């Protein structure tokens, strides 16, 4: 393995990897994350004014980590005010989301939706780089419908001084199904003028080993869903030691306690925790009846009882 040479990034997941989660992860499991990318800030003509978004990128909430704010938009002129505001807040890099596959985003020609209109993509990037006080990276999919689209998309990216190109080698139509297209990623690694980072389906130590064996020159890797399911995965990659169940329990309790402090009402806290269990449940055997109890919980007491039963009765899975 070449883990000692690899840069590791934590991918953004909307609604989950906000500053409370990032701080808890950093305190409990971070043994080598080089950059944390925020869930996207939705660019508008009003600028960076939304309370929730300001809280997430507030330097006071991100003191111990290298944070990269991510922007979602399709009007380069509107991005400029965000770049300058974030620069004033102390940020040196901003990431553009050109990969979000969800219909509410794509229908507005944002996220992966920009990839089907290369004229609009060029206009967007022209506007971004016309007056840019920070480094700008891009997180992208390889097309909307077919992998063959990526050659033209990459030709567009190569016209701009991207600081990095983070490639999730699926098309939008895949969402998160099918295996990532490693042949197209190989093309990106060889032909991109910007440094290339891999993103997609690293869930186990074996996944990591197979990836670096396939791409020996790869020197940066973004992980998202794999770390949400198994927060100890990076430590396992770096040390060979798998996460213990009591570590996951303490991590859960920290996040749960933090959400209870800032959320207005039990219902919102439960919603947040149930979102997280969509991923963490993958670490447990014989868990179905207890996950069902967690999902059906309508009160914090019911939720806590269900979580206690899950941790007490279900063995932890460590996949190799």
Protein backbone atom coordinates (compact mmCIF):
# COMPACT_ATOMS: atom_id res chain seq x y z
CA UNK A 1 0.00 0.00 0.00
CA UNK A 2 1.05 3.60 -0.55
CA UNK A 3 -1.21 5.09 2.10
CA UNK A 4 1.63 7.17 3.54
CA UNK A 5 1.78 9.05 0.22
CA UNK A 6 -1.97 9.36 -0.32
CA UNK A 7 -4.03 12.46 0.39
CA UNK A 8 -7.43 11.62 1.85
CA UNK A 9 -10.55 13.78 1.46
CA UNK A 10 -13.93 13.48 3.17
CA UNK A 11 -16.71 13.85 0.59
CA UNK A 12 -19.72 16.10 1.24
CA UNK A 13 -23.12 14.50 1.77
CA UNK A 14 -26.05 16.88 1.90
CA UNK A 15 -27.81 16.94 5.24
CA UNK A 16 -25.30 14.67 6.97
CA UNK A 17 -21.69 15.88 6.93
CA UNK A 18 -22.28 19.33 8.40
CA UNK A 19 -19.96 20.87 10.97
CA UNK A 20 -21.32 18.86 13.91
CA UNK A 21 -20.59 15.60 12.14
CA UNK A 22 -17.20 16.80 10.91
CA UNK A 23 -16.10 17.87 14.38
CA UNK A 24 -17.20 14.59 15.94
CA UNK A 25 -15.46 12.58 13.23
CA UNK A 26 -12.30 14.63 13.60
CA UNK A 27 -12.24 14.13 17.38
CA UNK A 28 -12.93 10.39 17.30
CA UNK A 29 -11.53 8.95 14.07
CA UNK A 30 -9.47 11.41 12.05
CA UNK A 31 -5.96 10.05 11.63
CA UNK A 32 -5.27 11.50 8.22
CA UNK A 33 -8.04 13.50 6.52
CA UNK A 34 -6.34 16.22 4.48
CA UNK A 35 -9.51 18.06 3.44
CA UNK A 36 -13.17 18.05 4.46
CA UNK A 37 -15.57 19.24 1.75
CA UNK A 38 -18.77 20.89 2.96
CA UNK A 39 -22.23 20.00 1.70
CA UNK A 40 -22.98 22.35 -1.16
CA UNK A 41 -23.88 25.98 -0.70
CA UNK A 42 -26.68 26.76 -3.18
CA UNK A 43 -25.49 29.79 -5.14
CA UNK A 44 -28.03 32.60 -5.59
CA UNK A 45 -28.03 36.26 -6.46
CA UNK A 46 -28.51 37.04 -2.76
CA UNK A 47 -25.02 35.80 -1.90
CA UNK A 48 -23.93 33.87 1.16
CA UNK A 49 -26.69 34.92 3.56
CA UNK A 50 -28.53 31.77 4.65
CA UNK A 51 -28.12 31.15 8.37
CA UNK A 52 -27.60 27.39 8.08
CA UNK A 53 -24.98 27.73 5.35
CA UNK A 54 -23.14 30.49 7.20
CA UNK A 55 -23.05 28.32 10.31
CA UNK A 56 -21.57 25.41 8.39
CA UNK A 57 -18.66 27.42 6.97
CA UNK A 58 -18.14 29.63 10.02
CA UNK A 59 -14.41 29.30 10.82
CA UNK A 60 -15.32 29.11 14.51
CA UNK A 61 -17.10 25.81 13.79
CA UNK A 62 -14.20 24.39 11.79
CA UNK A 63 -11.08 25.35 13.70
CA UNK A 64 -9.19 22.06 13.69
CA UNK A 65 -9.80 21.00 10.09
CA UNK A 66 -8.86 21.97 6.55
CA UNK A 67 -12.27 22.83 5.09
CA UNK A 68 -13.18 23.29 1.42
CA UNK A 69 -16.61 24.90 0.86
CA UNK A 70 -18.52 23.45 -2.07
CA UNK A 71 -20.76 25.56 -4.32
CA UNK A 72 -23.71 24.45 -6.45
CA UNK A 73 -24.82 26.78 -9.23
CA UNK A 74 -24.73 27.49 -12.95
CA UNK A 75 -24.18 31.23 -13.18
CA UNK A 76 -20.52 32.13 -12.94
CA UNK A 77 -21.27 35.77 -12.17
CA UNK A 78 -23.18 34.80 -9.04
CA UNK A 79 -20.32 32.60 -7.85
CA UNK A 80 -17.95 35.56 -7.64
CA UNK A 81 -19.51 37.08 -4.53
CA UNK A 82 -19.28 33.70 -2.79
CA UNK A 83 -15.62 33.33 -3.69
CA UNK A 84 -14.77 36.75 -2.28
CA UNK A 85 -16.87 36.25 0.86
CA UNK A 86 -15.30 32.87 1.54
CA UNK A 87 -11.85 34.30 0.86
CA UNK A 88 -12.54 37.01 3.44
CA UNK A 89 -13.48 34.26 5.89
CA UNK A 90 -10.06 32.70 5.40
CA UNK A 91 -10.73 30.02 2.81
CA UNK A 92 -8.11 29.42 0.12
CA UNK A 93 -9.97 26.85 -1.98
CA UNK A 94 -13.57 26.42 -3.13
CA UNK A 95 -15.02 23.39 -4.89
CA UNK A 96 -17.67 23.37 -7.65
CA UNK A 97 -20.29 20.63 -7.57
CA UNK A 98 -20.75 19.25 -11.08
CA UNK A 99 -21.82 15.81 -9.99
CA UNK A 100 -25.04 15.93 -7.95
CA UNK A 101 -27.41 13.47 -9.70
CA UNK A 102 -30.75 14.33 -8.08
CA UNK A 103 -33.58 15.46 -10.31
CA UNK A 104 -34.39 18.62 -8.37
CA UNK A 105 -30.82 19.78 -9.09
CA UNK A 106 -30.33 18.36 -12.59
CA UNK A 107 -33.60 19.81 -13.87
CA UNK A 108 -32.21 23.29 -13.17
CA UNK A 109 -29.01 22.47 -15.12
CA UNK A 110 -26.97 22.41 -11.95
CA UNK A 111 -24.74 19.68 -10.55
CA UNK A 112 -24.49 16.87 -13.10
CA UNK A 113 -27.10 18.71 -15.17
CA UNK A 114 -24.42 21.09 -16.41
CA UNK A 115 -22.66 18.19 -18.11
CA UNK A 116 -25.30 17.88 -20.83
CA UNK A 117 -24.89 21.51 -21.95
CA UNK A 118 -21.22 22.16 -22.64
CA UNK A 119 -21.90 25.68 -23.88
CA UNK A 120 -23.49 26.55 -20.54
CA UNK A 121 -20.65 24.75 -18.73
CA UNK A 122 -18.08 26.93 -20.53
CA UNK A 123 -20.05 30.09 -19.77
CA UNK A 124 -20.24 29.06 -16.12
CA UNK A 125 -16.51 28.39 -15.84
CA UNK A 126 -15.69 31.58 -17.79
CA UNK A 127 -17.62 33.53 -15.18
CA UNK A 128 -16.02 31.71 -12.26
CA UNK A 129 -12.45 32.23 -13.45
CA UNK A 130 -12.92 35.79 -14.73
CA UNK A 131 -12.16 37.15 -11.27
CA UNK A 132 -11.16 34.44 -8.85
CA UNK A 133 -9.43 35.17 -5.50
CA UNK A 134 -9.12 31.51 -4.44
CA UNK A 135 -8.12 28.15 -5.88
CA UNK A 136 -11.06 26.40 -7.55
CA UNK A 137 -11.45 22.64 -7.83
CA UNK A 138 -14.23 20.66 -9.51
CA UNK A 139 -16.04 17.51 -8.39
CA UNK A 140 -17.59 15.87 -11.44
CA UNK A 141 -19.34 12.84 -12.84
CA UNK A 142 -18.31 11.55 -16.25
CA UNK A 143 -21.50 12.45 -18.11
CA UNK A 144 -25.26 12.37 -18.05
CA UNK A 145 -26.11 9.16 -19.90
CA UNK A 146 -22.99 7.59 -21.43
CA UNK A 147 -19.36 7.34 -20.38
CA UNK A 148 -18.32 8.39 -23.88
CA UNK A 149 -19.43 11.93 -23.02
CA UNK A 150 -16.46 12.42 -20.72
CA UNK A 151 -13.85 13.03 -23.42
CA UNK A 152 -15.58 16.28 -24.45
CA UNK A 153 -16.29 17.23 -20.84
CA UNK A 154 -12.64 16.81 -19.90
CA UNK A 155 -11.61 18.90 -22.91
CA UNK A 156 -13.67 21.73 -21.41
CA UNK A 157 -12.14 21.33 -17.95
CA UNK A 158 -8.66 21.38 -19.47
CA UNK A 159 -9.27 24.93 -20.69
CA UNK A 160 -9.35 26.26 -17.12
CA UNK A 161 -6.79 26.43 -14.27
CA UNK A 162 -8.50 23.97 -11.96
CA UNK A 163 -6.59 23.27 -8.77
CA UNK A 164 -7.94 19.70 -8.76
CA UNK A 165 -10.38 17.53 -10.64
CA UNK A 166 -12.26 15.08 -8.40
CA UNK A 167 -13.79 12.39 -10.59
CA UNK A 168 -16.68 10.15 -9.56
CA UNK A 169 -16.59 7.77 -12.53
CA UNK A 170 -20.32 7.23 -12.94
CA UNK A 171 -22.76 8.98 -15.24
CA UNK A 172 -25.73 10.79 -13.77
CA UNK A 173 -28.09 8.04 -14.92
CA UNK A 174 -26.22 5.57 -12.68
CA UNK A 175 -26.93 7.55 -9.51
CA UNK A 176 -25.01 5.23 -7.14
CA UNK A 177 -25.72 1.97 -8.98
CA UNK A 178 -23.36 -0.05 -11.18
CA UNK A 179 -19.63 -0.26 -10.66
CA UNK A 180 -17.56 2.89 -11.20
CA UNK A 181 -16.07 3.09 -14.70
CA UNK A 182 -12.38 2.67 -13.98
CA UNK A 183 -11.41 2.84 -17.66
CA UNK A 184 -12.81 6.35 -17.87
CA UNK A 185 -11.07 7.26 -14.62
CA UNK A 186 -7.81 6.00 -16.13
CA UNK A 187 -8.40 8.34 -19.09
CA UNK A 188 -8.95 11.24 -16.68
CA UNK A 189 -5.81 10.42 -14.74
CA UNK A 190 -3.74 10.43 -17.92
CA UNK A 191 -5.34 13.32 -19.81
CA UNK A 192 -6.37 15.88 -17.20
CA UNK A 193 -4.20 18.97 -16.92
CA UNK A 194 -5.27 19.34 -13.29
CA UNK A 195 -4.30 16.84 -10.58
CA UNK A 196 -6.94 14.09 -10.41
CA UNK A 197 -8.62 12.66 -7.30
CA UNK A 198 -10.65 9.44 -7.27
CA UNK A 199 -14.09 9.27 -5.64
CA UNK A 200 -16.45 6.29 -5.53
CA UNK A 201 -17.22 3.01 -3.73
CA UNK A 202 -14.36 2.67 -1.25
CA UNK A 203 -16.12 0.71 1.50
CA UNK A 204 -13.42 -1.68 2.71
CA UNK A 205 -9.69 -2.03 3.12
CA UNK A 206 -9.71 -4.43 0.18
CA UNK A 207 -11.46 -1.83 -2.01
CA UNK A 208 -8.63 0.57 -1.21
CA UNK A 209 -5.92 -1.97 -1.95
CA UNK A 210 -7.48 -2.87 -5.30
CA UNK A 211 -7.75 0.79 -6.29
CA UNK A 212 -4.12 1.68 -5.57
CA UNK A 213 -2.97 -1.51 -7.27
CA UNK A 214 -4.92 -0.52 -10.39
CA UNK A 215 -3.68 3.10 -10.28
CA UNK A 216 -0.16 3.19 -8.81
CA UNK A 217 0.28 6.90 -9.64
CA UNK A 218 -2.90 7.94 -7.82
CA UNK A 219 -2.03 10.23 -4.93
CA UNK A 220 -5.41 11.55 -3.70
CA UNK A 221 -8.65 9.83 -2.75
CA UNK A 222 -12.06 11.10 -1.65
CA UNK A 223 -14.30 8.87 0.47
CA UNK A 224 -17.88 9.52 1.50
CA UNK A 225 -20.47 6.79 1.97
CA UNK A 226 -17.76 4.34 3.04
CA UNK A 227 -16.73 6.60 5.92
CA UNK A 228 -20.34 7.24 6.94
CA UNK A 229 -20.95 3.49 7.16
CA UNK A 230 -17.60 2.77 8.80
CA UNK A 231 -16.06 5.86 10.41
CA UNK A 232 -13.03 3.74 11.31
CA UNK A 233 -12.25 2.86 7.69
CA UNK A 234 -9.45 5.37 7.21
CA UNK A 235 -7.77 4.26 10.42
CA UNK A 236 -8.03 0.68 9.20
CA UNK A 237 -6.45 1.66 5.87
CA UNK A 238 -3.57 3.40 7.63
CA UNK A 239 -2.98 1.04 10.55
CA UNK A 240 -4.66 -2.24 9.64
CA UNK A 241 -6.75 -2.10 12.84
CA UNK A 242 -10.54 -2.31 12.36
CA UNK A 243 -12.97 -0.16 14.33
CA UNK A 244 -14.33 -1.52 17.60
CA UNK A 245 -18.04 -1.44 18.42
CA UNK A 246 -17.52 0.65 21.54
CA UNK A 247 -15.75 3.29 19.43
CA UNK A 248 -18.75 3.51 17.12
CA UNK A 249 -21.09 3.74 20.13
CA UNK A 250 -19.16 6.67 21.63
CA UNK A 251 -19.11 8.39 18.24
CA UNK A 252 -22.87 7.92 17.87
CA UNK A 253 -23.51 9.28 21.35
CA UNK A 254 -21.42 12.38 20.65
CA UNK A 255 -23.31 13.20 17.45
CA UNK A 256 -26.67 12.46 19.03
CA UNK A 257 -25.88 14.72 21.98
CA UNK A 258 -24.68 17.54 19.73
CA UNK A 259 -27.82 17.37 17.59
CA UNK A 260 -30.03 17.45 20.68
CA UNK A 261 -28.33 20.68 21.75
CA UNK A 262 -28.90 22.61 18.52
CA UNK A 263 -32.01 21.06 16.95
CA UNK A 264 -35.40 22.62 17.60
CA UNK A 265 -37.55 19.74 18.74
CA UNK A 266 -37.10 16.00 19.08
CA UNK A 267 -38.51 15.32 15.61
CA UNK A 268 -35.62 17.13 13.90
CA UNK A 269 -33.05 15.29 16.00
CA UNK A 270 -34.65 11.96 15.13
CA UNK A 271 -34.69 12.84 11.43
CA UNK A 272 -30.97 13.59 11.46
CA UNK A 273 -30.06 10.42 13.32
CA UNK A 274 -32.25 8.22 11.12
CA UNK A 275 -30.46 9.63 8.06
CA UNK A 276 -27.14 8.60 9.56
CA UNK A 277 -28.41 5.11 10.34
CA UNK A 278 -29.05 4.57 6.62
CA UNK A 279 -25.26 4.19 6.46
CA UNK A 280 -24.14 2.97 9.89
CA UNK A 281 -26.55 0.02 9.81
CA UNK A 282 -24.29 -1.58 7.21
CA UNK A 283 -21.77 -2.30 9.95
CA UNK A 284 -24.05 -4.66 11.91
CA UNK A 285 -25.12 -8.27 11.56
CA UNK A 286 -28.62 -9.45 12.48
CA UNK A 287 -29.77 -5.85 12.75
CA UNK A 288 -33.02 -5.68 10.76
CA UNK A 289 -35.54 -5.73 13.63
CA UNK A 290 -33.57 -3.11 15.57
CA UNK A 291 -33.08 -0.82 12.58
CA UNK A 292 -36.84 -1.07 12.03
CA UNK A 293 -37.36 0.09 15.65
CA UNK A 294 -34.96 3.00 15.09
CA UNK A 295 -36.83 4.06 11.95
CA UNK A 296 -40.22 3.81 13.66
CA UNK A 297 -39.14 5.71 16.79
CA UNK A 298 -41.33 8.77 17.40
CA UNK A 299 -39.69 9.85 20.66
CA UNK A 300 -36.12 10.16 21.90
CA UNK A 301 -36.81 7.52 24.56
CA UNK A 302 -37.95 5.01 21.92
CA UNK A 303 -34.95 5.89 19.78
CA UNK A 304 -32.47 5.47 22.64
CA UNK A 305 -33.96 2.10 23.61
CA UNK A 306 -33.71 0.85 20.03
CA UNK A 307 -30.11 2.00 19.73
CA UNK A 308 -29.22 0.33 23.04
CA UNK A 309 -30.67 -2.97 21.81
CA UNK A 310 -28.83 -2.73 18.50
CA UNK A 311 -25.44 -2.16 20.11
CA UNK A 312 -26.05 -4.76 22.81
CA UNK A 313 -27.31 -7.57 20.58
CA UNK A 314 -25.80 -7.14 17.11
CA UNK A 315 -22.21 -8.06 16.23
CA UNK A 316 -20.17 -5.56 14.27
CA UNK A 317 -19.19 -6.52 10.72
CA UNK A 318 -15.65 -5.78 9.64
CA UNK A 319 -15.30 -6.49 5.93
CA UNK A 320 -11.87 -7.15 4.55
